[in-house]
Amino acid sequence: MRLRTLLVCCSLIFTGAAMAKEAAPMAADVAVEKRMVAISEELRCLVCQNESLSGSHAELAQDLRREIRKMISEGKTDQEILDFMVARYGDFVRYRPPMKPTTWLLWGGPFLLMAGGLAALIAFLRRRAKEDAAPVLSEEEHRRAAALLDQSNS
């Protein structure tokens, strides 16, 4: 029993070590690394699309972070780096794309969808209110209903 427990523990320890990956390379300069993280937070991972470039573990994201580090070491400004990424991958790569005619739908789309949904909801509620309204009884129908109620009470 002890031998089996020891074997299980050893296999768990060595399995973890076998699955370990090499740490991602960081820039030799801490300032360069901080700047790279700040720039890559503004960019979208093209593989994951719902993650920033700095948080993604995709190979393309690692390559792009390496490229950003290289451009920083070459002395490029943050805006030049962002412009390079946009020129290469389009406005989609930015989390906050600029406001221009090609991105109007991107900026206004959520508001248009919300307005359309609100209009549909109002129309639905009005239609339902008309259908659920109690029918108006004529004077004759009121008398007949009162007579029926009087009969059932006696």
N, C-alpha and C. Protein backbone atom coordinates (compact mmCIF):
# COMPACT_ATOMS: atom_id res chain seq x y z
N MET A 1 0.83 -1.19 0.00
CA MET A 1 0.00 0.00 0.00
C MET A 1 0.87 1.26 0.00
N ARG A 2 1.91 1.25 0.80
CA ARG A 2 2.81 2.40 0.85
C ARG A 2 3.53 2.58 -0.47
N LEU A 3 3.92 1.49 -1.08
CA LEU A 3 4.63 1.56 -2.35
C LEU A 3 3.73 2.15 -3.44
N ARG A 4 2.49 1.75 -3.43
CA ARG A 4 1.55 2.27 -4.42
C ARG A 4 1.35 3.78 -4.23
N THR A 5 1.18 4.23 -3.01
CA THR A 5 1.02 5.65 -2.71
C THR A 5 2.26 6.43 -3.13
N LEU A 6 3.42 5.88 -2.86
CA LEU A 6 4.67 6.53 -3.24
C LEU A 6 4.78 6.65 -4.76
N LEU A 7 4.41 5.59 -5.48
CA LEU A 7 4.46 5.62 -6.94
C LEU A 7 3.48 6.66 -7.52
N VAL A 8 2.29 6.75 -6.95
CA VAL A 8 1.31 7.73 -7.41
C VAL A 8 1.83 9.15 -7.18
N CYS A 9 2.39 9.40 -6.01
CA CYS A 9 2.93 10.73 -5.70
C CYS A 9 4.08 11.09 -6.64
N CYS A 10 4.98 10.14 -6.87
CA CYS A 10 6.11 10.40 -7.78
C CYS A 10 5.62 10.67 -9.20
N SER A 11 4.65 9.90 -9.66
CA SER A 11 4.15 10.11 -11.02
C SER A 11 3.48 11.47 -11.15
N LEU A 12 2.77 11.92 -10.12
CA LEU A 12 2.15 13.25 -10.17
C LEU A 12 3.20 14.35 -10.19
N ILE A 13 4.26 14.19 -9.43
CA ILE A 13 5.32 15.20 -9.39
C ILE A 13 6.02 15.29 -10.74
N PHE A 14 6.38 14.14 -11.31
CA PHE A 14 7.11 14.14 -12.57
C PHE A 14 6.23 14.51 -13.76
N THR A 15 4.93 14.25 -13.68
CA THR A 15 4.02 14.66 -14.74
C THR A 15 3.95 16.17 -14.83
N GLY A 16 3.88 16.83 -13.68
CA GLY A 16 3.85 18.29 -13.65
C GLY A 16 5.13 18.88 -14.22
N ALA A 17 6.27 18.29 -13.89
CA ALA A 17 7.54 18.79 -14.40
C ALA A 17 7.65 18.56 -15.91
N ALA A 18 7.12 17.46 -16.40
CA ALA A 18 7.20 17.16 -17.82
C ALA A 18 6.32 18.10 -18.64
N MET A 19 5.22 18.58 -18.07
CA MET A 19 4.29 19.45 -18.79
C MET A 19 4.66 20.93 -18.66
N ALA A 20 5.65 21.27 -17.87
CA ALA A 20 6.04 22.66 -17.67
C ALA A 20 6.59 23.24 -18.95
N LYS A 21 6.28 24.51 -19.19
CA LYS A 21 6.76 25.19 -20.38
C LYS A 21 7.85 26.19 -20.00
N GLU A 22 8.61 26.56 -21.00
CA GLU A 22 9.64 27.55 -20.79
C GLU A 22 8.98 28.91 -20.58
N ALA A 23 9.53 29.70 -19.66
CA ALA A 23 8.97 31.02 -19.39
C ALA A 23 9.11 31.90 -20.62
N ALA A 24 8.12 32.75 -20.83
CA ALA A 24 8.16 33.66 -21.97
C ALA A 24 9.30 34.65 -21.79
N PRO A 25 10.04 34.94 -22.85
CA PRO A 25 11.16 35.85 -22.71
C PRO A 25 10.69 37.26 -22.40
N MET A 26 11.41 37.90 -21.53
CA MET A 26 11.12 39.28 -21.19
C MET A 26 12.27 40.15 -21.66
N ALA A 27 12.01 41.39 -21.85
CA ALA A 27 13.07 42.30 -22.27
C ALA A 27 14.07 42.46 -21.15
N ALA A 28 15.30 42.70 -21.52
CA ALA A 28 16.34 42.88 -20.52
C ALA A 28 16.08 44.14 -19.69
N ASP A 29 15.46 45.11 -20.29
CA ASP A 29 15.17 46.38 -19.62
C ASP A 29 13.73 46.36 -19.11
N VAL A 30 13.54 46.67 -17.84
CA VAL A 30 12.21 46.66 -17.24
C VAL A 30 11.34 47.76 -17.86
N ALA A 31 11.91 48.89 -18.18
CA ALA A 31 11.14 49.99 -18.78
C ALA A 31 10.60 49.58 -20.15
N VAL A 32 11.41 48.87 -20.93
CA VAL A 32 10.96 48.38 -22.24
C VAL A 32 9.80 47.41 -22.06
N GLU A 33 9.91 46.54 -21.07
CA GLU A 33 8.85 45.56 -20.82
C GLU A 33 7.55 46.24 -20.39
N LYS A 34 7.65 47.24 -19.53
CA LYS A 34 6.45 47.96 -19.10
C LYS A 34 5.80 48.67 -20.28
N ARG A 35 6.60 49.27 -21.12
CA ARG A 35 6.09 49.97 -22.31
C ARG A 35 5.45 48.98 -23.27
N MET A 36 6.07 47.82 -23.43
CA MET A 36 5.51 46.79 -24.32
C MET A 36 4.15 46.32 -23.79
N VAL A 37 4.04 46.14 -22.49
CA VAL A 37 2.76 45.70 -21.89
C VAL A 37 1.70 46.78 -22.09
N ALA A 38 2.08 48.05 -21.90
CA ALA A 38 1.11 49.14 -22.07
C ALA A 38 0.62 49.20 -23.51
N ILE A 39 1.52 49.03 -24.47
CA ILE A 39 1.11 49.06 -25.87
C ILE A 39 0.27 47.84 -26.21
N SER A 40 0.68 46.67 -25.76
CA SER A 40 -0.05 45.45 -26.11
C SER A 40 -1.40 45.35 -25.42
N GLU A 41 -1.63 46.11 -24.36
CA GLU A 41 -2.95 46.16 -23.73
C GLU A 41 -3.95 46.88 -24.65
N GLU A 42 -3.45 47.75 -25.51
CA GLU A 42 -4.30 48.49 -26.45
C GLU A 42 -4.65 47.67 -27.68
N LEU A 43 -3.98 46.54 -27.85
CA LEU A 43 -4.16 45.73 -29.06
C LEU A 43 -4.89 44.43 -28.76
N ARG A 44 -5.66 43.97 -29.72
CA ARG A 44 -6.44 42.74 -29.61
C ARG A 44 -5.63 41.58 -30.19
N CYS A 45 -5.70 40.44 -29.53
CA CYS A 45 -5.07 39.24 -30.07
C CYS A 45 -5.86 38.81 -31.29
N LEU A 46 -5.18 38.62 -32.40
CA LEU A 46 -5.86 38.28 -33.64
C LEU A 46 -6.33 36.83 -33.67
N VAL A 47 -5.79 36.00 -32.80
CA VAL A 47 -6.20 34.60 -32.72
C VAL A 47 -7.38 34.46 -31.75
N CYS A 48 -7.22 35.01 -30.55
CA CYS A 48 -8.25 34.87 -29.51
C CYS A 48 -9.40 35.85 -29.72
N GLN A 49 -9.13 37.05 -30.13
CA GLN A 49 -10.06 38.12 -30.45
C GLN A 49 -10.81 38.68 -29.25
N ASN A 50 -10.88 37.98 -28.15
CA ASN A 50 -11.52 38.54 -26.97
C ASN A 50 -10.51 38.78 -25.86
N GLU A 51 -9.25 38.70 -26.19
CA GLU A 51 -8.17 38.91 -25.24
C GLU A 51 -7.24 39.99 -25.76
N SER A 52 -6.62 40.69 -24.84
CA SER A 52 -5.62 41.66 -25.28
C SER A 52 -4.37 40.90 -25.71
N LEU A 53 -3.54 41.58 -26.45
CA LEU A 53 -2.30 40.98 -26.94
C LEU A 53 -1.39 40.62 -25.77
N SER A 54 -1.43 41.42 -24.71
CA SER A 54 -0.55 41.14 -23.58
C SER A 54 -1.01 39.94 -22.76
N GLY A 55 -2.30 39.61 -22.79
CA GLY A 55 -2.80 38.50 -21.99
C GLY A 55 -2.90 37.19 -22.74
N SER A 56 -2.68 37.22 -24.04
CA SER A 56 -2.86 36.03 -24.86
C SER A 56 -1.63 35.12 -24.82
N HIS A 57 -1.89 33.82 -24.90
CA HIS A 57 -0.80 32.83 -24.93
C HIS A 57 -0.61 32.25 -26.33
N ALA A 58 -1.29 32.79 -27.31
CA ALA A 58 -1.17 32.28 -28.68
C ALA A 58 0.23 32.59 -29.23
N GLU A 59 0.68 31.75 -30.15
CA GLU A 59 2.01 31.95 -30.73
C GLU A 59 2.09 33.26 -31.49
N LEU A 60 1.04 33.61 -32.20
CA LEU A 60 1.04 34.88 -32.93
C LEU A 60 1.18 36.05 -31.96
N ALA A 61 0.50 35.98 -30.83
CA ALA A 61 0.60 37.05 -29.83
C ALA A 61 2.03 37.16 -29.31
N GLN A 62 2.68 36.03 -29.07
CA GLN A 62 4.07 36.06 -28.62
C GLN A 62 4.97 36.69 -29.68
N ASP A 63 4.73 36.35 -30.95
CA ASP A 63 5.51 36.95 -32.04
C ASP A 63 5.29 38.45 -32.12
N LEU A 64 4.04 38.88 -31.96
CA LEU A 64 3.75 40.31 -32.02
C LEU A 64 4.36 41.06 -30.84
N ARG A 65 4.35 40.45 -29.66
CA ARG A 65 5.00 41.08 -28.50
C ARG A 65 6.51 41.20 -28.74
N ARG A 66 7.11 40.18 -29.35
CA ARG A 66 8.53 40.23 -29.69
C ARG A 66 8.79 41.37 -30.68
N GLU A 67 7.90 41.50 -31.66
CA GLU A 67 8.02 42.57 -32.65
C GLU A 67 7.91 43.94 -31.98
N ILE A 68 6.98 44.08 -31.04
CA ILE A 68 6.83 45.35 -30.32
C ILE A 68 8.10 45.67 -29.53
N ARG A 69 8.66 44.67 -28.84
CA ARG A 69 9.91 44.88 -28.10
C ARG A 69 11.01 45.36 -29.04
N LYS A 70 11.09 44.74 -30.21
CA LYS A 70 12.12 45.10 -31.19
C LYS A 70 11.93 46.55 -31.64
N MET A 71 10.69 46.92 -31.92
CA MET A 71 10.41 48.28 -32.37
C MET A 71 10.71 49.31 -31.27
N ILE A 72 10.43 48.94 -30.02
CA ILE A 72 10.75 49.83 -28.90
C ILE A 72 12.26 50.03 -28.82
N SER A 73 13.00 48.94 -28.94
CA SER A 73 14.47 49.04 -28.86
C SER A 73 15.04 49.82 -30.05
N GLU A 74 14.31 49.88 -31.16
CA GLU A 74 14.73 50.66 -32.32
C GLU A 74 14.42 52.14 -32.14
N GLY A 75 13.71 52.48 -31.07
CA GLY A 75 13.43 53.88 -30.78
C GLY A 75 12.11 54.40 -31.33
N LYS A 76 11.23 53.53 -31.77
CA LYS A 76 9.93 53.96 -32.30
C LYS A 76 9.03 54.42 -31.15
N THR A 77 8.17 55.39 -31.45
CA THR A 77 7.22 55.88 -30.45
C THR A 77 6.04 54.92 -30.36
N ASP A 78 5.26 55.08 -29.31
CA ASP A 78 4.07 54.23 -29.13
C ASP A 78 3.11 54.40 -30.29
N GLN A 79 2.93 55.63 -30.73
CA GLN A 79 2.00 55.89 -31.84
C GLN A 79 2.51 55.25 -33.13
N GLU A 80 3.81 55.29 -33.37
CA GLU A 80 4.37 54.65 -34.56
C GLU A 80 4.14 53.14 -34.53
N ILE A 81 4.28 52.55 -33.36
CA ILE A 81 4.07 51.10 -33.22
C ILE A 81 2.60 50.76 -33.46
N LEU A 82 1.70 51.56 -32.87
CA LEU A 82 0.27 51.32 -33.07
C LEU A 82 -0.12 51.51 -34.54
N ASP A 83 0.45 52.54 -35.18
CA ASP A 83 0.18 52.79 -36.60
C ASP A 83 0.66 51.63 -37.46
N PHE A 84 1.83 51.07 -37.11
CA PHE A 84 2.36 49.92 -37.85
C PHE A 84 1.41 48.73 -37.73
N MET A 85 0.92 48.47 -36.53
CA MET A 85 0.01 47.33 -36.32
C MET A 85 -1.31 47.54 -37.07
N VAL A 86 -1.82 48.76 -37.06
CA VAL A 86 -3.07 49.05 -37.77
C VAL A 86 -2.86 48.92 -39.27
N ALA A 87 -1.72 49.41 -39.77
CA ALA A 87 -1.44 49.30 -41.21
C ALA A 87 -1.33 47.84 -41.62
N ARG A 88 -0.81 47.02 -40.75
CA ARG A 88 -0.60 45.61 -41.07
C ARG A 88 -1.87 44.78 -40.90
N TYR A 89 -2.65 45.04 -39.83
CA TYR A 89 -3.79 44.18 -39.50
C TYR A 89 -5.14 44.89 -39.54
N GLY A 90 -5.17 46.17 -39.78
CA GLY A 90 -6.44 46.90 -39.85
C GLY A 90 -6.88 47.43 -38.50
N ASP A 91 -7.96 48.21 -38.51
CA ASP A 91 -8.46 48.82 -37.28
C ASP A 91 -8.96 47.80 -36.27
N PHE A 92 -9.27 46.60 -36.73
CA PHE A 92 -9.78 45.55 -35.84
C PHE A 92 -8.78 45.21 -34.74
N VAL A 93 -7.49 45.40 -34.99
CA VAL A 93 -6.47 45.02 -34.03
C VAL A 93 -6.51 45.92 -32.78
N ARG A 94 -7.12 47.09 -32.90
CA ARG A 94 -7.19 48.00 -31.76
C ARG A 94 -8.46 47.75 -30.97
N TYR A 95 -8.34 47.82 -29.65
CA TYR A 95 -9.54 47.69 -28.81
C TYR A 95 -10.42 48.92 -28.94
N ARG A 96 -9.81 50.08 -29.16
CA ARG A 96 -10.57 51.31 -29.33
C ARG A 96 -10.24 51.89 -30.70
N PRO A 97 -10.89 51.39 -31.74
CA PRO A 97 -10.59 51.88 -33.09
C PRO A 97 -11.00 53.35 -33.22
N PRO A 98 -10.35 54.09 -34.13
CA PRO A 98 -10.68 55.51 -34.30
C PRO A 98 -12.06 55.68 -34.91
N MET A 99 -12.66 56.84 -34.64
CA MET A 99 -13.98 57.14 -35.20
C MET A 99 -13.78 57.68 -36.61
N LYS A 100 -14.19 56.90 -37.59
CA LYS A 100 -14.12 57.31 -38.99
C LYS A 100 -15.22 56.56 -39.73
N PRO A 101 -15.53 56.95 -40.97
CA PRO A 101 -16.67 56.33 -41.67
C PRO A 101 -16.62 54.80 -41.73
N THR A 102 -15.45 54.22 -41.82
CA THR A 102 -15.38 52.76 -41.91
C THR A 102 -15.66 52.08 -40.57
N THR A 103 -15.63 52.83 -39.48
CA THR A 103 -15.89 52.22 -38.17
C THR A 103 -17.15 52.76 -37.51
N TRP A 104 -17.97 53.53 -38.24
CA TRP A 104 -19.20 54.06 -37.65
C TRP A 104 -20.13 52.96 -37.19
N LEU A 105 -20.26 51.91 -37.97
CA LEU A 105 -21.13 50.81 -37.58
C LEU A 105 -20.59 50.11 -36.34
N LEU A 106 -19.28 50.02 -36.24
CA LEU A 106 -18.65 49.41 -35.08
C LEU A 106 -18.97 50.20 -33.81
N TRP A 107 -18.93 51.52 -33.91
CA TRP A 107 -19.22 52.37 -32.76
C TRP A 107 -20.72 52.50 -32.51
N GLY A 108 -21.51 52.64 -33.57
CA GLY A 108 -22.93 52.89 -33.39
C GLY A 108 -23.79 51.64 -33.41
N GLY A 109 -23.24 50.51 -33.85
CA GLY A 109 -24.00 49.27 -33.94
C GLY A 109 -24.70 48.86 -32.66
N PRO A 110 -23.99 48.86 -31.53
CA PRO A 110 -24.67 48.47 -30.28
C PRO A 110 -25.85 49.37 -29.94
N PHE A 111 -25.71 50.69 -30.22
CA PHE A 111 -26.81 51.60 -29.92
C PHE A 111 -27.98 51.38 -30.88
N LEU A 112 -27.67 51.09 -32.15
CA LEU A 112 -28.74 50.79 -33.11
C LEU A 112 -29.49 49.52 -32.72
N LEU A 113 -28.76 48.50 -32.31
CA LEU A 113 -29.40 47.26 -31.88
C LEU A 113 -30.26 47.49 -30.64
N MET A 114 -29.77 48.30 -29.71
CA MET A 114 -30.54 48.58 -28.50
C MET A 114 -31.81 49.37 -28.84
N ALA A 115 -31.70 50.37 -29.74
CA ALA A 115 -32.87 51.15 -30.13
C ALA A 115 -33.88 50.26 -30.85
N GLY A 116 -33.42 49.38 -31.74
CA GLY A 116 -34.31 48.47 -32.43
C GLY A 116 -35.01 47.52 -31.46
N GLY A 117 -34.28 47.00 -30.51
CA GLY A 117 -34.87 46.11 -29.51
C GLY A 117 -35.90 46.83 -28.65
N LEU A 118 -35.59 48.07 -28.28
CA LEU A 118 -36.53 48.86 -27.48
C LEU A 118 -37.80 49.15 -28.27
N ALA A 119 -37.66 49.49 -29.55
CA ALA A 119 -38.83 49.75 -30.40
C ALA A 119 -39.69 48.49 -30.54
N ALA A 120 -39.04 47.35 -30.73
CA ALA A 120 -39.78 46.09 -30.85
C ALA A 120 -40.50 45.75 -29.54
N LEU A 121 -39.86 46.01 -28.41
CA LEU A 121 -40.48 45.75 -27.11
C LEU A 121 -41.70 46.64 -26.90
N ILE A 122 -41.59 47.91 -27.23
CA ILE A 122 -42.72 48.84 -27.08
C ILE A 122 -43.87 48.41 -27.97
N ALA A 123 -43.58 48.05 -29.22
CA ALA A 123 -44.64 47.61 -30.14
C ALA A 123 -45.32 46.34 -29.61
N PHE A 124 -44.54 45.41 -29.11
CA PHE A 124 -45.09 44.17 -28.56
C PHE A 124 -45.99 44.46 -27.36
N LEU A 125 -45.53 45.31 -26.45
CA LEU A 125 -46.33 45.61 -25.25
C LEU A 125 -47.62 46.34 -25.60
N ARG A 126 -47.58 47.24 -26.58
CA ARG A 126 -48.80 47.94 -26.99
C ARG A 126 -49.80 46.98 -27.62
N ARG A 127 -49.31 46.08 -28.47
CA ARG A 127 -50.18 45.10 -29.11
C ARG A 127 -50.81 44.19 -28.06
N ARG A 128 -50.00 43.76 -27.10
CA ARG A 128 -50.51 42.87 -26.06
C ARG A 128 -51.53 43.58 -25.18
N ALA A 129 -51.31 44.87 -24.90
CA ALA A 129 -52.25 45.63 -24.07
C ALA A 129 -53.60 45.76 -24.77
N LYS A 130 -53.58 45.94 -26.09
CA LYS A 130 -54.84 46.03 -26.84
C LYS A 130 -55.59 44.70 -26.82
N GLU A 131 -54.85 43.60 -26.93
CA GLU A 131 -55.48 42.27 -26.95
C GLU A 131 -56.02 41.90 -25.58
N ASP A 132 -55.33 42.33 -24.51
CA ASP A 132 -55.74 41.96 -23.16
C ASP A 132 -56.80 42.88 -22.56
N ALA A 133 -57.16 43.96 -23.23
CA ALA A 133 -58.14 44.90 -22.70
C ALA A 133 -59.49 44.20 -22.56
N ALA A 134 -60.17 44.49 -21.46
CA ALA A 134 -61.49 43.88 -21.22
C ALA A 134 -62.49 44.42 -22.24
N PRO A 135 -63.33 43.57 -22.78
CA PRO A 135 -64.31 44.03 -23.76
C PRO A 135 -65.33 44.96 -23.09
N VAL A 136 -65.74 45.97 -23.80
CA VAL A 136 -66.74 46.92 -23.29
C VAL A 136 -68.13 46.32 -23.53
N LEU A 137 -68.94 46.29 -22.46
CA LEU A 137 -70.29 45.73 -22.56
C LEU A 137 -71.29 46.83 -22.88
N SER A 138 -72.27 46.46 -23.69
CA SER A 138 -73.35 47.41 -24.00
C SER A 138 -74.31 47.46 -22.81
N GLU A 139 -75.23 48.41 -22.88
CA GLU A 139 -76.20 48.57 -21.80
C GLU A 139 -77.06 47.31 -21.65
N GLU A 140 -77.45 46.72 -22.77
CA GLU A 140 -78.26 45.49 -22.75
C GLU A 140 -77.48 44.35 -22.10
N GLU A 141 -76.19 44.23 -22.45
CA GLU A 141 -75.38 43.15 -21.88
C GLU A 141 -75.19 43.35 -20.38
N HIS A 142 -75.10 44.59 -19.93
CA HIS A 142 -75.00 44.87 -18.49
C HIS A 142 -76.26 44.39 -17.76
N ARG A 143 -77.42 44.68 -18.34
CA ARG A 143 -78.68 44.27 -17.71
C ARG A 143 -78.79 42.75 -17.65
N ARG A 144 -78.40 42.07 -18.75
CA ARG A 144 -78.48 40.61 -18.76
C ARG A 144 -77.52 40.00 -17.73
N ALA A 145 -76.33 40.58 -17.62
CA ALA A 145 -75.36 40.07 -16.65
C ALA A 145 -75.86 40.28 -15.22
N ALA A 146 -76.45 41.42 -14.94
CA ALA A 146 -77.00 41.70 -13.61
C ALA A 146 -78.13 40.74 -13.29
N ALA A 147 -78.96 40.46 -14.30
CA ALA A 147 -80.09 39.54 -14.10
C ALA A 147 -79.56 38.13 -13.80
N LEU A 148 -78.54 37.70 -14.51
CA LEU A 148 -77.96 36.37 -14.27
C LEU A 148 -77.35 36.28 -12.87
N LEU A 149 -76.69 37.35 -12.45
CA LEU A 149 -76.10 37.36 -11.10
C LEU A 149 -77.20 37.33 -10.03
N ASP A 150 -78.28 38.04 -10.25
CA ASP A 150 -79.39 38.05 -9.29
C ASP A 150 -80.00 36.66 -9.20
N GLN A 151 -80.14 35.97 -10.33
CA GLN A 151 -80.71 34.61 -10.33
C GLN A 151 -79.84 33.65 -9.55
N SER A 152 -78.53 33.75 -9.74
CA SER A 152 -77.64 32.79 -9.07
C SER A 152 -77.54 33.06 -7.57
N ASN A 153 -77.78 34.29 -7.14
CA ASN A 153 -77.72 34.63 -5.71
C ASN A 153 -78.99 34.22 -4.98
N SER A 154 -80.10 34.03 -5.67
CA SER A 154 -81.34 33.70 -4.98
C SER A 154 -81.51 32.23 -4.78
